[in-house]
Protein backbone atom coordinates (compact mmCIF):
# COMPACT_ATOMS: atom_id res chain seq x y z
CA UNK A 1 0.00 0.00 0.00
CA UNK A 2 2.84 2.43 0.79
CA UNK A 3 4.33 1.90 -2.68
CA UNK A 4 1.04 2.85 -4.31
CA UNK A 5 0.77 6.02 -2.22
CA UNK A 6 4.37 6.89 -3.05
CA UNK A 7 3.74 6.31 -6.76
CA UNK A 8 0.59 8.46 -6.75
CA UNK A 9 2.27 11.26 -4.80
CA UNK A 10 5.28 11.19 -7.12
CA UNK A 11 3.03 11.30 -10.18
CA UNK A 12 1.07 14.27 -8.81
CA UNK A 13 4.25 16.23 -8.02
CA UNK A 14 5.77 15.56 -11.44
CA UNK A 15 2.49 16.38 -13.18
CA UNK A 16 2.09 19.76 -11.47
CA UNK A 17 5.75 20.64 -11.91
CA UNK A 18 5.51 19.99 -15.65
CA UNK A 19 2.26 21.94 -15.94
CA UNK A 20 3.82 24.98 -14.35
CA UNK A 21 7.13 24.92 -16.21
CA UNK A 22 5.77 26.74 -19.28
CA UNK A 23 3.91 29.22 -17.10
CA UNK A 24 6.94 30.39 -15.14
CA UNK A 25 7.03 33.78 -16.81
CA UNK A 26 5.66 36.71 -14.85
CA UNK A 27 2.66 38.42 -16.40
CA UNK A 28 0.95 41.70 -15.60
CA UNK A 29 -2.78 42.43 -15.41
CA UNK A 30 -2.99 42.71 -19.22
CA UNK A 31 -1.45 39.27 -19.68
CA UNK A 32 1.80 40.72 -21.02
CA UNK A 33 5.07 39.20 -19.84
CA UNK A 34 7.26 41.45 -17.68
CA UNK A 35 10.58 39.65 -18.23
CA UNK A 36 12.43 39.95 -21.52
CA UNK A 37 14.56 36.84 -21.04
CA UNK A 38 11.43 34.73 -20.52
CA UNK A 39 9.97 36.25 -23.67
CA UNK A 40 12.99 35.25 -25.77
CA UNK A 41 12.75 31.65 -24.52
CA UNK A 42 9.06 31.45 -25.37
CA UNK A 43 9.58 33.16 -28.74
CA UNK A 44 12.21 30.61 -29.72
CA UNK A 45 9.98 27.75 -28.67
CA UNK A 46 6.90 29.13 -30.45
CA UNK A 47 8.72 30.67 -33.45
CA UNK A 48 7.43 34.19 -32.72
CA UNK A 49 8.77 37.72 -32.47
CA UNK A 50 9.21 39.65 -29.21
CA UNK A 51 7.22 42.87 -28.95
CA UNK A 52 8.40 45.11 -26.09
CA UNK A 53 6.37 48.08 -24.89
CA UNK A 54 7.99 50.69 -22.65
CA UNK A 55 5.09 52.61 -21.14
CA UNK A 56 3.98 54.97 -18.44
CA UNK A 57 0.64 53.28 -17.97
CA UNK A 58 -0.82 55.62 -15.37
CA UNK A 59 0.51 59.02 -16.43
CA UNK A 60 1.34 59.00 -20.19
CA UNK A 61 -1.64 60.03 -22.37
CA UNK A 62 -0.16 58.67 -25.64
CA UNK A 63 0.59 55.36 -23.85
CA UNK A 64 -3.00 55.07 -22.69
CA UNK A 65 -4.30 55.96 -26.17
CA UNK A 66 -2.04 53.39 -27.87
CA UNK A 67 -3.19 50.72 -25.46
CA UNK A 68 -6.85 51.59 -25.99
CA UNK A 69 -6.77 52.19 -29.77
CA UNK A 70 -4.48 49.33 -30.76
CA UNK A 71 -3.47 46.80 -28.11
CA UNK A 72 -6.95 46.26 -26.64
CA UNK A 73 -8.57 45.58 -30.02
CA UNK A 74 -9.64 42.14 -31.14
CA UNK A 75 -7.62 42.52 -34.37
CA UNK A 76 -4.38 43.22 -32.53
CA UNK A 77 -5.01 40.48 -29.98
CA UNK A 78 -5.48 37.90 -32.79
CA UNK A 79 -2.39 39.16 -34.61
CA UNK A 80 -0.33 39.05 -31.41
CA UNK A 81 -1.57 35.60 -30.45
CA UNK A 82 -0.27 34.18 -33.73
CA UNK A 83 2.92 36.21 -34.11
CA UNK A 84 4.17 37.93 -30.97
CA UNK A 85 5.30 37.45 -27.42
CA UNK A 86 4.14 40.62 -25.69
CA UNK A 87 6.36 42.27 -23.07
CA UNK A 88 5.36 45.32 -21.07
CA UNK A 89 7.96 47.28 -19.14
CA UNK A 90 6.02 49.85 -17.18
CA UNK A 91 7.08 53.04 -15.42
CA UNK A 92 4.04 53.99 -13.33
CA UNK A 93 4.09 57.06 -11.09
CA UNK A 94 1.02 56.63 -8.91
CA UNK A 95 1.64 55.05 -5.53
CA UNK A 96 -1.16 52.49 -5.98
CA UNK A 97 0.42 51.25 -9.23
CA UNK A 98 3.95 51.01 -7.87
CA UNK A 99 5.91 47.98 -9.04
CA UNK A 100 8.18 45.89 -6.85
CA UNK A 101 11.66 47.36 -6.35
CA UNK A 102 13.09 44.44 -8.35
CA UNK A 103 10.74 45.00 -11.31
CA UNK A 104 11.35 48.77 -11.20
CA UNK A 105 15.12 48.27 -11.33
CA UNK A 106 14.78 45.64 -14.07
CA UNK A 107 12.66 47.98 -16.21
CA UNK A 108 15.05 50.90 -15.64
CA UNK A 109 18.04 48.78 -16.65
CA UNK A 110 16.37 47.71 -19.90
CA UNK A 111 15.31 51.28 -20.61
CA UNK A 112 18.96 52.34 -20.36
CA UNK A 113 20.21 49.33 -22.31
CA UNK A 114 17.91 50.05 -25.25
CA UNK A 115 18.28 53.86 -25.04
CA UNK A 116 14.58 54.52 -24.56
CA UNK A 117 14.08 58.27 -24.88
CA UNK A 118 10.31 58.62 -24.89
CA UNK A 119 7.04 56.94 -24.03
CA UNK A 120 5.48 54.92 -25.42
CA UNK A 121 8.34 53.11 -27.12
CA UNK A 122 7.81 49.80 -28.86
CA UNK A 123 10.75 47.67 -29.94
CA UNK A 124 10.33 44.50 -31.98
CA UNK A 125 12.98 41.78 -31.76
CA UNK A 126 13.40 38.43 -33.39
CA UNK A 127 13.55 35.42 -31.05
CA UNK A 128 17.34 35.77 -30.77
CA UNK A 129 17.19 39.35 -29.54
CA UNK A 130 18.04 41.14 -32.79
CA UNK A 131 16.24 44.48 -32.93
CA UNK A 132 14.07 44.66 -36.04
CA UNK A 133 12.39 48.04 -35.60
CA UNK A 134 11.24 50.57 -33.03
CA UNK A 135 8.46 53.09 -32.77
CA UNK A 136 8.58 56.04 -30.37
CA UNK A 137 5.45 57.94 -29.44
CA UNK A 138 1.99 57.39 -30.82
CA UNK A 139 0.09 59.30 -33.45
CA UNK A 140 -3.51 58.06 -33.53
CA UNK A 141 -3.92 55.49 -36.25
CA UNK A 142 -6.22 52.64 -37.14
CA UNK A 143 -5.34 49.18 -35.95
CA UNK A 144 -4.88 47.70 -39.45
CA UNK A 145 -2.27 50.36 -40.32
CA UNK A 146 -0.34 49.61 -37.14
CA UNK A 147 -0.53 45.85 -37.68
CA UNK A 148 0.77 46.45 -41.20
CA UNK A 149 3.78 48.30 -39.77
CA UNK A 150 4.43 45.47 -37.32
CA UNK A 151 4.15 42.84 -40.09
CA UNK A 152 6.58 44.80 -42.26
CA UNK A 153 9.14 44.80 -39.44
CA UNK A 154 8.82 41.02 -39.12
CA UNK A 155 9.96 40.37 -42.73
C-alpha atoms as a PDB file:
ATOM      1  CA  UNK A   1       0.000   0.000   0.000  1.00  0.00           C
ATOM      2  CA  UNK A   2       2.844   2.430   0.786  1.00  0.00           C
ATOM      3  CA  UNK A   3       4.333   1.898  -2.680  1.00  0.00           C
ATOM      4  CA  UNK A   4       1.036   2.850  -4.307  1.00  0.00           C
ATOM      5  CA  UNK A   5       0.771   6.022  -2.222  1.00  0.00           C
ATOM      6  CA  UNK A   6       4.366   6.890  -3.048  1.00  0.00           C
ATOM      7  CA  UNK A   7       3.743   6.315  -6.757  1.00  0.00           C
ATOM      8  CA  UNK A   8       0.591   8.457  -6.754  1.00  0.00           C
ATOM      9  CA  UNK A   9       2.267  11.258  -4.800  1.00  0.00           C
ATOM     10  CA  UNK A  10       5.283  11.189  -7.124  1.00  0.00           C
ATOM     11  CA  UNK A  11       3.034  11.301 -10.175  1.00  0.00           C
ATOM     12  CA  UNK A  12       1.072  14.267  -8.806  1.00  0.00           C
ATOM     13  CA  UNK A  13       4.246  16.226  -8.023  1.00  0.00           C
ATOM     14  CA  UNK A  14       5.771  15.556 -11.437  1.00  0.00           C
ATOM     15  CA  UNK A  15       2.494  16.378 -13.183  1.00  0.00           C
ATOM     16  CA  UNK A  16       2.095  19.762 -11.475  1.00  0.00           C
ATOM     17  CA  UNK A  17       5.747  20.643 -11.911  1.00  0.00           C
ATOM     18  CA  UNK A  18       5.514  19.987 -15.655  1.00  0.00           C
ATOM     19  CA  UNK A  19       2.256  21.935 -15.937  1.00  0.00           C
ATOM     20  CA  UNK A  20       3.822  24.984 -14.346  1.00  0.00           C
ATOM     21  CA  UNK A  21       7.134  24.923 -16.210  1.00  0.00           C
ATOM     22  CA  UNK A  22       5.770  26.743 -19.277  1.00  0.00           C
ATOM     23  CA  UNK A  23       3.909  29.220 -17.103  1.00  0.00           C
ATOM     24  CA  UNK A  24       6.945  30.391 -15.139  1.00  0.00           C
ATOM     25  CA  UNK A  25       7.034  33.785 -16.809  1.00  0.00           C
ATOM     26  CA  UNK A  26       5.664  36.710 -14.846  1.00  0.00           C
ATOM     27  CA  UNK A  27       2.663  38.421 -16.405  1.00  0.00           C
ATOM     28  CA  UNK A  28       0.950  41.700 -15.602  1.00  0.00           C
ATOM     29  CA  UNK A  29      -2.784  42.425 -15.406  1.00  0.00           C
ATOM     30  CA  UNK A  30      -2.992  42.712 -19.219  1.00  0.00           C
ATOM     31  CA  UNK A  31      -1.448  39.270 -19.678  1.00  0.00           C
ATOM     32  CA  UNK A  32       1.803  40.722 -21.023  1.00  0.00           C
ATOM     33  CA  UNK A  33       5.075  39.203 -19.837  1.00  0.00           C
ATOM     34  CA  UNK A  34       7.256  41.452 -17.676  1.00  0.00           C
ATOM     35  CA  UNK A  35      10.580  39.652 -18.225  1.00  0.00           C
ATOM     36  CA  UNK A  36      12.433  39.949 -21.518  1.00  0.00           C
ATOM     37  CA  UNK A  37      14.561  36.840 -21.038  1.00  0.00           C
ATOM     38  CA  UNK A  38      11.429  34.728 -20.517  1.00  0.00           C
ATOM     39  CA  UNK A  39       9.967  36.252 -23.674  1.00  0.00           C
ATOM     40  CA  UNK A  40      12.987  35.245 -25.766  1.00  0.00           C
ATOM     41  CA  UNK A  41      12.749  31.652 -24.524  1.00  0.00           C
ATOM     42  CA  UNK A  42       9.060  31.451 -25.372  1.00  0.00           C
ATOM     43  CA  UNK A  43       9.579  33.157 -28.741  1.00  0.00           C
ATOM     44  CA  UNK A  44      12.211  30.605 -29.720  1.00  0.00           C
ATOM     45  CA  UNK A  45       9.981  27.747 -28.671  1.00  0.00           C
ATOM     46  CA  UNK A  46       6.898  29.128 -30.453  1.00  0.00           C
ATOM     47  CA  UNK A  47       8.715  30.675 -33.450  1.00  0.00           C
ATOM     48  CA  UNK A  48       7.426  34.192 -32.724  1.00  0.00           C
ATOM     49  CA  UNK A  49       8.773  37.724 -32.465  1.00  0.00           C
ATOM     50  CA  UNK A  50       9.207  39.649 -29.208  1.00  0.00           C
ATOM     51  CA  UNK A  51       7.216  42.873 -28.947  1.00  0.00           C
ATOM     52  CA  UNK A  52       8.396  45.111 -26.095  1.00  0.00           C
ATOM     53  CA  UNK A  53       6.368  48.077 -24.894  1.00  0.00           C
ATOM     54  CA  UNK A  54       7.990  50.692 -22.654  1.00  0.00           C
ATOM     55  CA  UNK A  55       5.091  52.611 -21.138  1.00  0.00           C
ATOM     56  CA  UNK A  56       3.983  54.975 -18.442  1.00  0.00           C
ATOM     57  CA  UNK A  57       0.640  53.277 -17.968  1.00  0.00           C
ATOM     58  CA  UNK A  58      -0.824  55.615 -15.374  1.00  0.00           C
ATOM     59  CA  UNK A  59       0.514  59.016 -16.435  1.00  0.00           C
ATOM     60  CA  UNK A  60       1.337  59.003 -20.188  1.00  0.00           C
ATOM     61  CA  UNK A  61      -1.639  60.033 -22.370  1.00  0.00           C
ATOM     62  CA  UNK A  62      -0.157  58.666 -25.643  1.00  0.00           C
ATOM     63  CA  UNK A  63       0.591  55.358 -23.855  1.00  0.00           C
ATOM     64  CA  UNK A  64      -3.001  55.073 -22.690  1.00  0.00           C
ATOM     65  CA  UNK A  65      -4.296  55.960 -26.166  1.00  0.00           C
ATOM     66  CA  UNK A  66      -2.035  53.387 -27.870  1.00  0.00           C
ATOM     67  CA  UNK A  67      -3.186  50.722 -25.459  1.00  0.00           C
ATOM     68  CA  UNK A  68      -6.853  51.594 -25.993  1.00  0.00           C
ATOM     69  CA  UNK A  69      -6.771  52.187 -29.771  1.00  0.00           C
ATOM     70  CA  UNK A  70      -4.478  49.332 -30.762  1.00  0.00           C
ATOM     71  CA  UNK A  71      -3.472  46.804 -28.112  1.00  0.00           C
ATOM     72  CA  UNK A  72      -6.948  46.264 -26.641  1.00  0.00           C
ATOM     73  CA  UNK A  73      -8.567  45.576 -30.021  1.00  0.00           C
ATOM     74  CA  UNK A  74      -9.636  42.142 -31.139  1.00  0.00           C
ATOM     75  CA  UNK A  75      -7.619  42.516 -34.367  1.00  0.00           C
ATOM     76  CA  UNK A  76      -4.376  43.215 -32.529  1.00  0.00           C
ATOM     77  CA  UNK A  77      -5.013  40.479 -29.980  1.00  0.00           C
ATOM     78  CA  UNK A  78      -5.484  37.902 -32.789  1.00  0.00           C
ATOM     79  CA  UNK A  79      -2.394  39.157 -34.610  1.00  0.00           C
ATOM     80  CA  UNK A  80      -0.331  39.048 -31.409  1.00  0.00           C
ATOM     81  CA  UNK A  81      -1.569  35.596 -30.450  1.00  0.00           C
ATOM     82  CA  UNK A  82      -0.269  34.182 -33.733  1.00  0.00           C
ATOM     83  CA  UNK A  83       2.920  36.215 -34.108  1.00  0.00           C
ATOM     84  CA  UNK A  84       4.173  37.927 -30.966  1.00  0.00           C
ATOM     85  CA  UNK A  85       5.299  37.449 -27.418  1.00  0.00           C
ATOM     86  CA  UNK A  86       4.139  40.621 -25.689  1.00  0.00           C
ATOM     87  CA  UNK A  87       6.363  42.271 -23.069  1.00  0.00           C
ATOM     88  CA  UNK A  88       5.355  45.323 -21.072  1.00  0.00           C
ATOM     89  CA  UNK A  89       7.959  47.280 -19.141  1.00  0.00           C
ATOM     90  CA  UNK A  90       6.018  49.852 -17.179  1.00  0.00           C
ATOM     91  CA  UNK A  91       7.082  53.042 -15.416  1.00  0.00           C
ATOM     92  CA  UNK A  92       4.041  53.995 -13.334  1.00  0.00           C
ATOM     93  CA  UNK A  93       4.092  57.061 -11.090  1.00  0.00           C
ATOM     94  CA  UNK A  94       1.021  56.634  -8.907  1.00  0.00           C
ATOM     95  CA  UNK A  95       1.641  55.054  -5.529  1.00  0.00           C
ATOM     96  CA  UNK A  96      -1.163  52.494  -5.979  1.00  0.00           C
ATOM     97  CA  UNK A  97       0.424  51.248  -9.234  1.00  0.00           C
ATOM     98  CA  UNK A  98       3.946  51.012  -7.868  1.00  0.00           C
ATOM     99  CA  UNK A  99       5.913  47.982  -9.040  1.00  0.00           C
ATOM    100  CA  UNK A 100       8.178  45.893  -6.851  1.00  0.00           C
ATOM    101  CA  UNK A 101      11.661  47.360  -6.345  1.00  0.00           C
ATOM    102  CA  UNK A 102      13.088  44.436  -8.354  1.00  0.00           C
ATOM    103  CA  UNK A 103      10.742  45.001 -11.308  1.00  0.00           C
ATOM    104  CA  UNK A 104      11.346  48.766 -11.198  1.00  0.00           C
ATOM    105  CA  UNK A 105      15.121  48.268 -11.333  1.00  0.00           C
ATOM    106  CA  UNK A 106      14.776  45.637 -14.075  1.00  0.00           C
ATOM    107  CA  UNK A 107      12.656  47.984 -16.211  1.00  0.00           C
ATOM    108  CA  UNK A 108      15.047  50.904 -15.644  1.00  0.00           C
ATOM    109  CA  UNK A 109      18.043  48.785 -16.647  1.00  0.00           C
ATOM    110  CA  UNK A 110      16.370  47.706 -19.899  1.00  0.00           C
ATOM    111  CA  UNK A 111      15.307  51.277 -20.611  1.00  0.00           C
ATOM    112  CA  UNK A 112      18.957  52.344 -20.361  1.00  0.00           C
ATOM    113  CA  UNK A 113      20.214  49.327 -22.309  1.00  0.00           C
ATOM    114  CA  UNK A 114      17.915  50.053 -25.255  1.00  0.00           C
ATOM    115  CA  UNK A 115      18.284  53.855 -25.040  1.00  0.00           C
ATOM    116  CA  UNK A 116      14.579  54.517 -24.563  1.00  0.00           C
ATOM    117  CA  UNK A 117      14.083  58.273 -24.879  1.00  0.00           C
ATOM    118  CA  UNK A 118      10.306  58.621 -24.891  1.00  0.00           C
ATOM    119  CA  UNK A 119       7.036  56.945 -24.032  1.00  0.00           C
ATOM    120  CA  UNK A 120       5.480  54.924 -25.422  1.00  0.00           C
ATOM    121  CA  UNK A 121       8.341  53.111 -27.120  1.00  0.00           C
ATOM    122  CA  UNK A 122       7.813  49.803 -28.859  1.00  0.00           C
ATOM    123  CA  UNK A 123      10.754  47.667 -29.939  1.00  0.00           C
ATOM    124  CA  UNK A 124      10.330  44.497 -31.977  1.00  0.00           C
ATOM    125  CA  UNK A 125      12.979  41.782 -31.762  1.00  0.00           C
ATOM    126  CA  UNK A 126      13.399  38.432 -33.385  1.00  0.00           C
ATOM    127  CA  UNK A 127      13.546  35.418 -31.053  1.00  0.00           C
ATOM    128  CA  UNK A 128      17.337  35.770 -30.770  1.00  0.00           C
ATOM    129  CA  UNK A 129      17.186  39.353 -29.538  1.00  0.00           C
ATOM    130  CA  UNK A 130      18.040  41.136 -32.791  1.00  0.00           C
ATOM    131  CA  UNK A 131      16.236  44.482 -32.927  1.00  0.00           C
ATOM    132  CA  UNK A 132      14.068  44.657 -36.043  1.00  0.00           C
ATOM    133  CA  UNK A 133      12.389  48.036 -35.596  1.00  0.00           C
ATOM    134  CA  UNK A 134      11.242  50.575 -33.027  1.00  0.00           C
ATOM    135  CA  UNK A 135       8.462  53.086 -32.775  1.00  0.00           C
ATOM    136  CA  UNK A 136       8.581  56.035 -30.369  1.00  0.00           C
ATOM    137  CA  UNK A 137       5.449  57.941 -29.442  1.00  0.00           C
ATOM    138  CA  UNK A 138       1.986  57.390 -30.822  1.00  0.00           C
ATOM    139  CA  UNK A 139       0.087  59.296 -33.453  1.00  0.00           C
ATOM    140  CA  UNK A 140      -3.509  58.060 -33.527  1.00  0.00           C
ATOM    141  CA  UNK A 141      -3.924  55.486 -36.251  1.00  0.00           C
ATOM    142  CA  UNK A 142      -6.225  52.644 -37.139  1.00  0.00           C
ATOM    143  CA  UNK A 143      -5.344  49.181 -35.954  1.00  0.00           C
ATOM    144  CA  UNK A 144      -4.877  47.704 -39.449  1.00  0.00           C
ATOM    145  CA  UNK A 145      -2.271  50.362 -40.319  1.00  0.00           C
ATOM    146  CA  UNK A 146      -0.339  49.609 -37.136  1.00  0.00           C
ATOM    147  CA  UNK A 147      -0.529  45.846 -37.679  1.00  0.00           C
ATOM    148  CA  UNK A 148       0.767  46.447 -41.203  1.00  0.00           C
ATOM    149  CA  UNK A 149       3.777  48.295 -39.766  1.00  0.00           C
ATOM    150  CA  UNK A 150       4.427  45.471 -37.324  1.00  0.00           C
ATOM    151  CA  UNK A 151       4.149  42.844 -40.095  1.00  0.00           C
ATOM    152  CA  UNK A 152       6.577  44.798 -42.257  1.00  0.00           C
ATOM    153  CA  UNK A 153       9.137  44.795 -39.438  1.00  0.00           C
ATOM    154  CA  UNK A 154       8.816  41.021 -39.122  1.00  0.00           C
ATOM    155  CA  UNK A 155       9.962  40.369 -42.725  1.00  0.00           C
END
